[in-house]
Amino acid sequence: MAEDLKKMYRTIVHDHFPPKMEISFVDGNNRQTLFYEKVTWRIDDVDKGLRYGENPGQEAALYRMVNGNLVLGETQTIQPGNFLASDIELLQSGKHPGKTNLTDADNSLNILRYFVDKPTAVIVKHNNPCGVAQADSLEDAYVKANMADRVAAFGGCIALNRAVDRSAAEAITSQYAEVVVAPDFEEGVMAVFEKKKNLRVIRIENINRLQRFVGQRCVEFKSLIDGGIITQWSFVPAARTKNDLTLASCEYKNETYTIEREPTEKEAADMLFGWLVESGITSNSVIYVKDLVTVGIGTGEQDRVGVAEIARAKAYRKLADRLCCEKHATPYNEMKDPDVRAEIDREVAEARGGLIGAAMVSDAFFPFRDGVDVGINEKISCVVQPGGSANDYQSIQACNEAGVTMVYTGQRSFKH
């Protein structure tokens, strides 16, 4: 059975999806239709679209929107021809991409579009970010994003918002990745990537114009097991600048509770960075951010305290791994010297997993103060969350007791 599955991973699945597709929205005599065409690539003399779906043996197809327009109320869909992940240029493929390669690339760009002012790296795996970082150079941004969770980033999709230079390419090829996505690749870079034969190198020139995709909406569909469909407009974060964040305040039993300390510029930058990264993370989610780098990412947990604890635990583990790699060129889990492990453990404990002075980011409100207390106990300095809980006053009290500032976005950021 295991050998059969290995063969399936290498097999291109023939699909029966047609070359064209139309989706119509009908209201009386008013019909609005979106037109799509199937995307294929010719690789090793084989014309084919997606290699397979989420799993080997699962038929799948990629379509790009080529015509049509949809206006419902005051909301309009993105116009045809504004292609990103649905119209990629495969510079190096190794093999046809699968569904998860494309959806990981898409969610990478979903996050990356909010960061155009500095070199930024987003690493996504299983449609969730492993690490996101901004820096003064593309190489540094990639290294910081990768070391934020080196283990999770193994085999992930790397998206970059600048043309890849040789130093960034060499840093990338020192690890294992499935996909690299960028607006362009400088001279000599492809020779570096050729050493990784199965690495999919994708050029999407529109990454240079990612900012114009901010605020654009598309229609999302979720199929139910009985064949029904739920449709919704895609989510757009309303808080996209520091001025969109408001100091936390609420009323409870005729008493006003307000955060006592305004955020510093650095705290505001980290909170805004983290909030925009949150838009690409599966809910429930809590993450920690410091110096425009993700420190710990908690995803897909059912309770908010639990996901805050998961993100905290990951921050501790990932810092231990990073320190061990940097100081001893050995992953923490492979370090056999008990004295070295003890030294690393002490340093991680003293640094509180790198969480001292970090921003705590939550995609929904904290029902009680025990959620923010998880971060406060690790000496975070600021919190960003939507607000809106009946018990917001508890979180405000907890922050004021610790000298922590907290802001509201006024908008939940669930993603399922």
Protein backbone atom coordinates (compact mmCIF):
# COMPACT_ATOMS: atom_id res chain seq x y z
CA MET A 1 0.00 0.00 0.00
CA ALA A 2 2.79 2.43 0.89
CA GLU A 3 4.51 1.77 -2.43
CA ASP A 4 1.23 2.37 -4.27
CA LEU A 5 0.90 5.74 -2.54
CA LYS A 6 4.47 6.68 -3.45
CA LYS A 7 3.61 5.95 -7.07
CA MET A 8 0.47 8.09 -6.81
CA TYR A 9 2.55 11.07 -5.68
CA ARG A 10 4.49 10.79 -8.95
CA THR A 11 1.43 10.23 -11.13
CA ILE A 12 -0.33 12.96 -13.10
CA VAL A 13 -4.08 12.47 -12.63
CA HIS A 14 -6.19 12.92 -15.75
CA ASP A 15 -9.15 15.18 -14.98
CA HIS A 16 -12.52 15.46 -16.68
CA PHE A 17 -13.11 19.14 -16.01
CA PRO A 18 -14.00 21.02 -19.22
CA PRO A 19 -11.82 23.71 -20.82
CA LYS A 20 -14.31 26.46 -20.01
CA MET A 21 -16.65 27.28 -17.15
CA GLU A 22 -19.34 29.91 -16.56
CA ILE A 23 -20.94 30.97 -13.29
CA SER A 24 -24.14 33.02 -13.55
CA PHE A 25 -25.98 35.02 -10.92
CA VAL A 26 -29.61 35.48 -11.91
CA ASP A 27 -32.13 37.89 -10.40
CA GLY A 28 -35.27 38.03 -12.52
CA ASN A 29 -34.24 39.27 -15.95
CA ASN A 30 -30.82 40.37 -14.68
CA ARG A 31 -28.11 37.83 -15.40
CA GLN A 32 -24.46 38.44 -14.47
CA THR A 33 -21.96 35.84 -15.67
CA LEU A 34 -18.32 35.25 -14.87
CA PHE A 35 -16.35 33.42 -17.58
CA TYR A 36 -13.39 31.15 -16.86
CA GLU A 37 -10.90 29.15 -18.88
CA LYS A 38 -8.87 26.17 -17.73
CA VAL A 39 -5.15 26.66 -17.15
CA THR A 40 -2.63 24.07 -18.40
CA TRP A 41 1.14 23.85 -18.78
CA ARG A 42 3.30 21.84 -21.15
CA ILE A 43 5.95 20.06 -19.08
CA ASP A 44 8.02 17.14 -20.36
CA ASP A 45 5.78 17.02 -23.46
CA VAL A 46 2.66 16.63 -21.31
CA ASP A 47 -0.12 19.24 -21.56
CA LYS A 48 -1.90 19.20 -18.22
CA GLY A 49 -3.30 21.48 -15.56
CA LEU A 50 -3.01 20.64 -11.89
CA ARG A 51 -1.12 17.43 -11.10
CA TYR A 52 -3.88 16.42 -8.69
CA GLY A 53 -6.08 17.99 -6.01
CA GLU A 54 -5.45 18.08 -2.28
CA ASN A 55 -4.58 14.39 -2.37
CA PRO A 56 -3.04 12.06 -4.97
CA GLY A 57 -5.77 10.53 -7.12
CA GLN A 58 -8.11 13.49 -6.56
CA GLU A 59 -9.07 15.21 -9.82
CA ALA A 60 -8.67 18.98 -9.87
CA ALA A 61 -8.48 21.90 -12.28
CA LEU A 62 -7.39 25.53 -12.14
CA TYR A 63 -9.43 28.19 -13.96
CA ARG A 64 -8.65 31.84 -14.51
CA MET A 65 -11.36 34.49 -14.86
CA VAL A 66 -11.20 35.92 -18.39
CA ASN A 67 -14.42 37.92 -18.71
CA GLY A 68 -17.53 39.07 -16.95
CA ASN A 69 -18.46 41.39 -14.14
CA LEU A 70 -20.41 40.98 -10.93
CA VAL A 71 -21.99 43.79 -8.92
CA LEU A 72 -24.15 42.91 -5.92
CA GLY A 73 -25.37 45.92 -3.97
CA GLU A 74 -22.40 48.26 -3.64
CA THR A 75 -19.79 45.50 -3.97
CA GLN A 76 -18.06 44.63 -7.23
CA THR A 77 -15.81 41.70 -8.01
CA ILE A 78 -12.22 42.17 -9.13
CA GLN A 79 -12.04 42.77 -12.86
CA PRO A 80 -10.93 39.99 -15.26
CA GLY A 81 -7.34 40.01 -16.40
CA ASN A 82 -5.83 40.95 -13.03
CA PHE A 83 -4.00 37.67 -12.69
CA LEU A 84 -1.82 36.41 -9.87
CA ALA A 85 -1.79 32.72 -8.89
CA SER A 86 -4.27 31.77 -11.61
CA ASP A 87 -1.88 32.74 -14.41
CA ILE A 88 1.62 31.82 -13.30
CA GLU A 89 4.78 31.66 -15.42
CA LEU A 90 6.64 28.44 -14.61
CA LEU A 91 10.34 29.15 -15.11
CA GLN A 92 11.30 25.83 -13.54
CA SER A 93 8.79 23.15 -12.74
CA GLY A 94 10.24 19.68 -12.21
CA LYS A 95 6.65 18.46 -12.37
CA HIS A 96 3.15 19.87 -12.76
CA PRO A 97 1.99 21.80 -9.69
CA GLY A 98 -0.70 20.38 -7.42
CA LYS A 99 -3.66 22.14 -5.90
CA THR A 100 -1.92 22.88 -2.59
CA ASN A 101 1.05 24.46 -4.41
CA LEU A 102 -1.31 26.97 -6.03
CA THR A 103 -3.44 27.66 -2.95
CA ASP A 104 -0.32 28.13 -0.82
CA ALA A 105 1.00 30.60 -3.41
CA ASP A 106 -2.35 32.36 -3.43
CA ASN A 107 -2.50 32.77 0.35
CA SER A 108 1.13 33.92 0.35
CA LEU A 109 0.11 36.74 -1.98
CA ASN A 110 -3.03 37.37 0.05
CA ILE A 111 -0.71 38.33 2.93
CA LEU A 112 2.10 39.83 0.86
CA ARG A 113 -0.13 42.42 -0.85
CA TYR A 114 -0.23 44.51 2.35
CA PHE A 115 3.56 44.86 2.49
CA VAL A 116 5.08 46.76 -0.39
CA ASP A 117 7.26 49.34 1.38
CA LYS A 118 10.08 46.95 2.39
CA PRO A 119 11.50 43.61 1.23
CA THR A 120 9.14 40.97 2.63
CA ALA A 121 9.08 37.18 2.71
CA VAL A 122 6.03 35.03 3.37
CA ILE A 123 6.42 31.26 3.78
CA VAL A 124 3.17 29.27 3.64
CA LYS A 125 2.49 25.58 4.11
CA HIS A 126 -0.92 23.89 4.24
CA ASN A 127 -2.41 27.32 3.54
CA ASN A 128 -1.06 28.86 6.76
CA PRO A 129 2.03 31.02 7.20
CA CYS A 130 5.07 29.42 8.85
CA GLY A 131 6.90 32.72 9.02
CA VAL A 132 6.52 36.28 7.74
CA ALA A 133 9.22 38.92 7.97
CA GLN A 134 10.21 42.35 6.70
CA ALA A 135 13.84 43.49 6.50
CA ASP A 136 16.19 45.81 4.66
CA SER A 137 17.20 43.10 2.17
CA LEU A 138 15.34 40.23 0.56
CA GLU A 139 17.85 37.69 1.82
CA ASP A 140 17.48 38.92 5.40
CA ALA A 141 13.68 38.89 5.13
CA TYR A 142 13.74 35.29 3.89
CA VAL A 143 16.20 34.13 6.57
CA LYS A 144 14.13 35.73 9.34
CA ALA A 145 10.87 34.26 7.99
CA ASN A 146 12.45 30.82 7.64
CA MET A 147 14.03 30.82 11.10
CA ALA A 148 10.73 31.93 12.63
CA ASP A 149 9.71 28.29 12.14
CA ARG A 150 12.36 26.44 10.18
CA VAL A 151 10.74 23.04 10.73
CA ALA A 152 7.29 24.07 9.47
CA ALA A 153 8.81 25.95 6.53
CA PHE A 154 10.41 22.72 5.22
CA GLY A 155 8.74 22.01 1.88
CA GLY A 156 6.73 25.23 1.93
CA CYS A 157 5.89 27.96 -0.57
CA ILE A 158 8.09 31.07 -0.41
CA ALA A 159 6.65 34.33 -1.75
CA LEU A 160 8.83 37.41 -2.13
CA ASN A 161 7.91 40.96 -3.11
CA ARG A 162 11.17 41.91 -4.82
CA ALA A 163 13.17 40.44 -7.70
CA VAL A 164 15.22 37.56 -6.28
CA ASP A 165 18.96 38.23 -6.20
CA ARG A 166 21.71 35.63 -5.99
CA SER A 167 22.26 35.93 -2.23
CA ALA A 168 18.55 35.36 -1.54
CA ALA A 169 18.51 32.42 -3.97
CA GLU A 170 21.48 30.78 -2.27
CA ALA A 171 19.81 31.18 1.13
CA ILE A 172 16.62 29.58 -0.24
CA THR A 173 18.42 26.61 -1.82
CA SER A 174 20.22 25.87 1.45
CA GLN A 175 16.81 24.61 2.65
CA TYR A 176 14.11 22.46 1.05
CA ALA A 177 11.19 24.31 -0.54
CA GLU A 178 8.46 23.27 -2.96
CA VAL A 179 7.69 26.64 -4.54
CA VAL A 180 9.31 30.06 -4.91
CA VAL A 181 7.13 32.91 -6.15
CA ALA A 182 8.49 36.36 -7.04
CA PRO A 183 7.94 39.20 -9.52
CA ASP A 184 11.27 38.45 -11.23
CA PHE A 185 14.65 36.77 -10.90
CA GLU A 186 17.97 38.52 -11.45
CA GLU A 187 20.69 37.26 -13.78
CA GLY A 188 22.35 34.09 -12.52
CA VAL A 189 19.58 33.19 -10.09
CA MET A 190 18.06 30.41 -12.21
CA ALA A 191 21.47 28.71 -12.34
CA VAL A 192 21.32 28.56 -8.53
CA PHE A 193 17.78 27.18 -8.53
CA GLU A 194 18.63 24.53 -11.13
CA LYS A 195 20.43 22.62 -8.37
CA LYS A 196 16.96 21.88 -6.94
CA LYS A 197 15.35 20.02 -9.85
CA ASN A 198 11.88 19.68 -8.32
CA LEU A 199 11.70 23.26 -7.05
CA ARG A 200 8.88 25.10 -8.82
CA VAL A 201 10.11 28.60 -9.65
CA ILE A 202 7.20 30.88 -10.50
CA ARG A 203 7.26 34.38 -11.89
CA ILE A 204 4.19 36.56 -11.41
CA GLU A 205 4.92 40.04 -12.72
CA ASN A 206 1.80 41.47 -11.08
CA ILE A 207 3.51 41.07 -7.69
CA ASN A 208 5.14 44.40 -8.63
CA ARG A 209 1.63 45.84 -8.58
CA LEU A 210 0.29 43.95 -5.55
CA GLN A 211 -0.88 47.11 -3.81
CA ARG A 212 -3.66 47.54 -6.36
CA PHE A 213 -5.13 44.23 -5.16
CA VAL A 214 -5.65 45.66 -1.65
CA GLY A 215 -9.37 46.15 -1.05
CA GLN A 216 -10.37 44.12 -4.13
CA ARG A 217 -12.98 41.43 -3.59
CA CYS A 218 -13.77 38.13 -5.24
CA VAL A 219 -16.62 35.69 -4.72
CA GLU A 220 -15.85 32.69 -2.51
CA PHE A 221 -17.70 29.38 -2.70
CA LYS A 222 -17.97 26.59 -0.15
CA SER A 223 -19.62 23.36 -1.30
CA LEU A 224 -21.69 21.40 1.20
CA ILE A 225 -21.73 17.61 1.24
CA ASP A 226 -25.31 17.59 -0.11
CA GLY A 227 -24.27 19.61 -3.17
CA GLY A 228 -25.41 22.94 -1.78
CA ILE A 229 -23.20 26.03 -1.92
CA ILE A 230 -22.49 28.87 0.48
CA THR A 231 -21.13 31.98 -1.21
CA GLN A 232 -19.63 35.10 0.31
CA TRP A 233 -17.51 38.07 -0.64
CA SER A 234 -13.84 37.72 0.25
CA PHE A 235 -12.66 39.37 3.46
CA VAL A 236 -11.00 42.78 3.37
CA PRO A 237 -9.26 44.08 6.51
CA ALA A 238 -10.60 47.52 7.34
CA ALA A 239 -7.65 48.38 9.61
CA ARG A 240 -4.75 48.86 7.19
CA THR A 241 -2.99 51.90 8.69
CA LYS A 242 -1.93 52.88 12.20
CA ASN A 243 -4.72 55.47 12.26
CA ASP A 244 -7.28 52.67 11.88
CA LEU A 245 -6.31 51.22 15.29
CA THR A 246 -8.21 52.66 18.25
CA LEU A 247 -7.18 52.57 21.90
CA ALA A 248 -9.24 49.91 23.69
CA SER A 249 -12.17 51.24 25.68
CA CYS A 250 -15.56 49.91 26.77
CA GLU A 251 -18.53 50.46 29.07
CA TYR A 252 -19.45 47.95 31.75
CA LYS A 253 -22.12 48.50 34.40
CA ASN A 254 -22.10 52.26 33.83
CA GLU A 255 -18.32 52.47 34.23
CA THR A 256 -15.83 53.29 31.47
CA TYR A 257 -12.70 51.19 31.13
CA THR A 258 -9.90 52.56 28.96
CA ILE A 259 -6.33 51.52 28.22
CA GLU A 260 -3.99 53.89 30.04
CA ARG A 261 -0.96 53.81 27.73
CA GLU A 262 -0.75 54.82 24.09
CA PRO A 263 1.28 52.50 21.81
CA THR A 264 4.76 53.53 20.77
CA GLU A 265 5.55 53.80 17.06
CA LYS A 266 7.32 50.44 17.17
CA GLU A 267 4.39 48.77 18.93
CA ALA A 268 1.92 50.23 16.46
CA ALA A 269 4.03 48.97 13.55
CA ASP A 270 4.23 45.46 15.00
CA MET A 271 0.51 45.35 15.78
CA LEU A 272 -0.49 46.51 12.30
CA PHE A 273 1.96 44.06 10.70
CA GLY A 274 0.55 41.21 12.81
CA TRP A 275 -3.06 42.15 12.13
CA LEU A 276 -2.54 42.07 8.37
CA VAL A 277 -0.69 38.74 8.60
CA GLU A 278 -3.71 37.46 10.58
CA SER A 279 -5.91 37.91 7.50
CA GLY A 280 -4.21 34.84 6.01
CA ILE A 281 -4.33 32.52 9.04
CA THR A 282 -6.91 29.82 9.81
CA SER A 283 -9.11 30.62 12.82
CA ASN A 284 -9.12 30.54 15.79
CA SER A 285 -5.76 32.21 15.70
CA VAL A 286 -3.39 34.09 17.98
CA ILE A 287 0.08 35.11 16.87
CA TYR A 288 3.01 36.98 18.39
CA VAL A 289 5.09 39.49 16.42
CA LYS A 290 8.30 41.33 17.25
CA ASP A 291 10.34 43.68 15.08
CA LEU A 292 8.16 42.92 12.03
CA VAL A 293 8.79 39.19 12.27
CA THR A 294 6.35 36.50 13.39
CA VAL A 295 7.59 34.90 16.62
CA GLY A 296 4.88 32.31 17.28
CA ILE A 297 1.85 31.42 15.14
CA GLY A 298 -1.13 29.56 16.59
CA THR A 299 -3.74 28.37 14.08
CA GLY A 300 -7.01 26.49 13.80
CA GLU A 301 -7.65 25.93 17.50
CA GLN A 302 -11.16 25.73 18.96
CA ASP A 303 -10.59 27.89 22.05
CA ARG A 304 -8.80 31.23 22.27
CA VAL A 305 -6.80 30.52 25.42
CA GLY A 306 -5.63 27.25 23.89
CA VAL A 307 -4.42 28.89 20.70
CA ALA A 308 -2.64 31.64 22.67
CA GLU A 309 -0.85 28.88 24.59
CA ILE A 310 0.00 27.01 21.37
CA ALA A 311 1.53 30.16 19.86
CA ARG A 312 3.48 30.73 23.08
CA ALA A 313 4.78 27.14 23.14
CA LYS A 314 5.81 27.39 19.48
CA ALA A 315 7.68 30.63 20.19
CA TYR A 316 9.73 28.85 22.87
CA ARG A 317 10.46 25.82 20.67
CA LYS A 318 11.34 27.86 17.59
CA LEU A 319 13.69 30.15 19.49
CA ALA A 320 15.49 27.12 20.94
CA ASP A 321 15.89 25.68 17.45
CA ARG A 322 17.10 28.97 16.00
CA LEU A 323 19.67 29.54 18.75
CA CYS A 324 20.96 25.98 18.46
CA CYS A 325 21.29 26.29 14.68
CA GLU A 326 22.99 29.69 14.87
CA LYS A 327 25.43 28.81 17.67
CA HIS A 328 26.11 25.14 17.00
CA ALA A 329 24.96 24.51 13.40
CA THR A 330 22.70 21.77 14.76
CA PRO A 331 18.90 21.67 15.16
CA TYR A 332 17.81 21.63 18.80
CA ASN A 333 16.09 18.25 18.45
CA GLU A 334 19.32 16.72 17.14
CA MET A 335 21.58 18.20 19.82
CA LYS A 336 22.95 15.33 21.91
CA ASP A 337 25.09 17.36 24.31
CA PRO A 338 23.02 17.83 27.51
CA ASP A 339 25.10 20.82 28.60
CA VAL A 340 24.45 22.63 25.32
CA ARG A 341 20.73 21.86 25.54
CA ALA A 342 20.65 23.16 29.11
CA GLU A 343 22.43 26.35 28.03
CA ILE A 344 19.93 26.88 25.20
CA ASP A 345 17.01 26.17 27.55
CA ARG A 346 18.24 28.79 30.01
CA GLU A 347 18.65 31.40 27.28
CA VAL A 348 15.18 30.69 25.88
CA ALA A 349 13.62 30.88 29.35
CA GLU A 350 15.34 34.19 30.09
CA ALA A 351 14.09 35.58 26.76
CA ARG A 352 10.60 34.19 27.42
CA GLY A 353 10.70 32.54 24.01
CA GLY A 354 11.48 35.90 22.40
CA LEU A 355 8.12 37.25 23.57
CA ILE A 356 9.41 40.06 25.81
CA GLY A 357 8.20 43.26 24.20
CA ALA A 358 6.27 41.40 21.49
CA ALA A 359 2.82 42.20 20.12
CA MET A 360 -0.01 39.73 20.75
CA VAL A 361 -2.48 39.52 17.86
CA SER A 362 -5.89 37.85 17.96
CA ASP A 363 -8.31 37.41 15.05
CA ALA A 364 -11.34 37.72 17.37
CA PHE A 365 -12.13 39.12 20.80
CA PHE A 366 -10.95 37.56 24.05
CA PRO A 367 -14.04 36.27 25.90
CA PHE A 368 -12.27 36.66 29.27
CA ARG A 369 -8.98 38.05 30.54
CA ASP A 370 -7.33 34.60 30.64
CA GLY A 371 -6.51 34.93 26.93
CA VAL A 372 -4.47 38.14 27.22
CA ASP A 373 -2.98 36.88 30.47
CA VAL A 374 -1.17 34.16 28.49
CA GLY A 375 0.79 36.86 26.66
CA ILE A 376 1.07 39.23 29.61
CA ASN A 377 2.72 36.49 31.66
CA GLU A 378 5.45 36.35 28.98
CA LYS A 379 5.97 40.15 29.19
CA ILE A 380 4.43 41.17 25.86
CA SER A 381 4.06 44.92 25.53
CA CYS A 382 0.95 45.32 23.37
CA VAL A 383 -2.21 43.59 22.14
CA VAL A 384 -4.31 44.07 19.00
CA GLN A 385 -7.73 42.47 18.72
CA PRO A 386 -11.17 43.31 17.28
CA GLY A 387 -12.88 44.04 20.63
CA GLY A 388 -16.60 43.44 21.07
CA SER A 389 -16.69 40.99 23.98
CA ALA A 390 -19.14 41.53 26.81
CA ASN A 391 -16.09 41.15 29.04
CA ASP A 392 -13.72 43.51 27.25
CA TYR A 393 -13.31 45.34 30.55
CA GLN A 394 -11.49 42.30 31.96
CA SER A 395 -8.85 42.38 29.21
CA ILE A 396 -8.46 46.15 29.64
CA GLN A 397 -7.96 45.70 33.39
CA ALA A 398 -5.40 42.94 32.81
CA CYS A 399 -3.43 45.13 30.37
CA ASN A 400 -3.50 48.19 32.62
CA GLU A 401 -2.28 46.14 35.59
CA ALA A 402 0.77 45.07 33.55
CA GLY A 403 1.40 48.38 31.76
CA VAL A 404 0.48 46.75 28.43
CA THR A 405 -1.23 48.80 25.73
CA MET A 406 -4.10 47.39 23.66
CA VAL A 407 -5.90 48.56 20.53
CA TYR A 408 -9.05 47.50 18.71
CA THR A 409 -9.52 46.99 14.98
CA GLY A 410 -13.33 46.94 15.21
CA GLN A 411 -13.49 44.00 12.80
CA ARG A 412 -13.23 40.25 13.26
CA SER A 413 -10.82 38.41 10.94
CA PHE A 414 -12.05 34.80 10.84
CA LYS A 415 -10.74 32.56 8.06
CA HIS A 416 -11.88 28.94 7.74
